[in-house]
Amino acid sequence: MELRKGDLIHIPQGVFLVTEGGTVCLTTKRPRTAIFLSSEGRGCGSTVFLDGEEFMVRTDHVYILKETEIKQNVS
């Protein structure tokens, strides 16, 4: 399934995130939900919005949340 801008995505624990320019690098300590913004033409990197910041993450490390999963995770 192709990711589109605005899709809710799942980022597993232990995924490496980098800000544009590489100024902030961190690893997710728990699974996270983020918003997909865009992907590079080569498909190896995606820009996501998480905790009020934009991060680059490897595209093969993020997964789209299906509607049934979204309903179960919203309280």
Protein backbone atom coordinates (compact mmCIF):
# COMPACT_ATOMS: atom_id res chain seq x y z
CA MET A 1 0.00 0.00 0.00
CA GLU A 2 1.34 3.41 -0.95
CA LEU A 3 1.67 6.05 1.74
CA ARG A 4 0.03 9.42 1.11
CA LYS A 5 0.51 12.76 2.86
CA GLY A 6 -1.57 12.83 6.04
CA ASP A 7 -1.70 9.06 6.57
CA LEU A 8 -1.32 7.87 10.15
CA ILE A 9 1.64 5.55 10.41
CA HIS A 10 3.10 3.16 12.97
CA ILE A 11 6.79 3.47 13.87
CA PRO A 12 8.06 0.45 15.84
CA GLN A 13 10.36 0.61 18.86
CA GLY A 14 14.05 0.97 18.06
CA VAL A 15 13.69 2.97 14.82
CA PHE A 16 16.30 5.68 14.14
CA LEU A 17 14.91 9.20 13.49
CA VAL A 18 16.89 12.20 12.19
CA THR A 19 15.90 15.85 11.77
CA GLU A 20 16.65 17.62 8.49
CA GLY A 21 20.31 18.54 8.51
CA GLY A 22 21.03 15.78 11.02
CA THR A 23 21.00 18.08 14.05
CA VAL A 24 18.87 15.76 16.21
CA CYS A 25 19.12 11.98 16.10
CA LEU A 26 17.12 9.66 18.32
CA THR A 27 15.78 6.14 18.54
CA THR A 28 12.17 5.38 19.42
CA LYS A 29 11.94 3.89 22.90
CA ARG A 30 8.41 2.55 22.30
CA PRO A 31 6.10 2.10 19.31
CA ARG A 32 4.81 5.48 18.09
CA THR A 33 2.08 6.86 15.85
CA ALA A 34 3.07 9.69 13.50
CA ILE A 35 1.78 11.50 10.41
CA PHE A 36 3.34 10.73 7.04
CA LEU A 37 4.41 13.87 5.13
CA SER A 38 6.45 12.76 2.10
CA SER A 39 9.01 10.33 0.73
CA GLU A 40 12.16 10.79 -1.28
CA GLY A 41 12.07 9.82 -4.93
CA ARG A 42 14.30 6.81 -4.32
CA GLY A 43 11.88 5.48 -1.70
CA CYS A 44 14.52 4.98 1.00
CA GLY A 45 13.57 7.88 3.25
CA SER A 46 10.33 9.40 4.47
CA THR A 47 9.51 12.60 6.30
CA VAL A 48 7.14 12.18 9.24
CA PHE A 49 5.61 14.52 11.82
CA LEU A 50 6.08 13.32 15.40
CA ASP A 51 5.88 15.25 18.68
CA GLY A 52 5.71 18.62 16.91
CA GLU A 53 8.81 18.03 14.75
CA GLU A 54 9.62 16.69 11.30
CA PHE A 55 11.93 13.67 11.15
CA MET A 56 13.47 11.55 8.41
CA VAL A 57 13.01 7.81 8.81
CA ARG A 58 13.65 4.82 6.56
CA THR A 59 10.49 4.09 4.59
CA ASP A 60 10.75 0.35 5.20
CA HIS A 61 10.57 1.03 8.97
CA VAL A 62 7.10 2.63 8.92
CA TYR A 63 3.71 1.00 8.42
CA ILE A 64 0.34 2.52 7.56
CA LEU A 65 -2.32 2.17 10.26
CA LYS A 66 -5.48 0.52 9.00
CA GLU A 67 -8.82 2.05 9.95
CA THR A 68 -9.60 -0.80 12.38
CA GLU A 69 -6.27 -0.28 14.17
CA ILE A 70 -6.89 3.47 14.44
CA LYS A 71 -10.29 2.91 16.09
CA GLN A 72 -8.78 0.48 18.63
CA ASN A 73 -5.95 2.88 19.56
CA VAL A 74 -8.10 5.99 20.05
CA SER A 75 -9.51 6.54 23.52
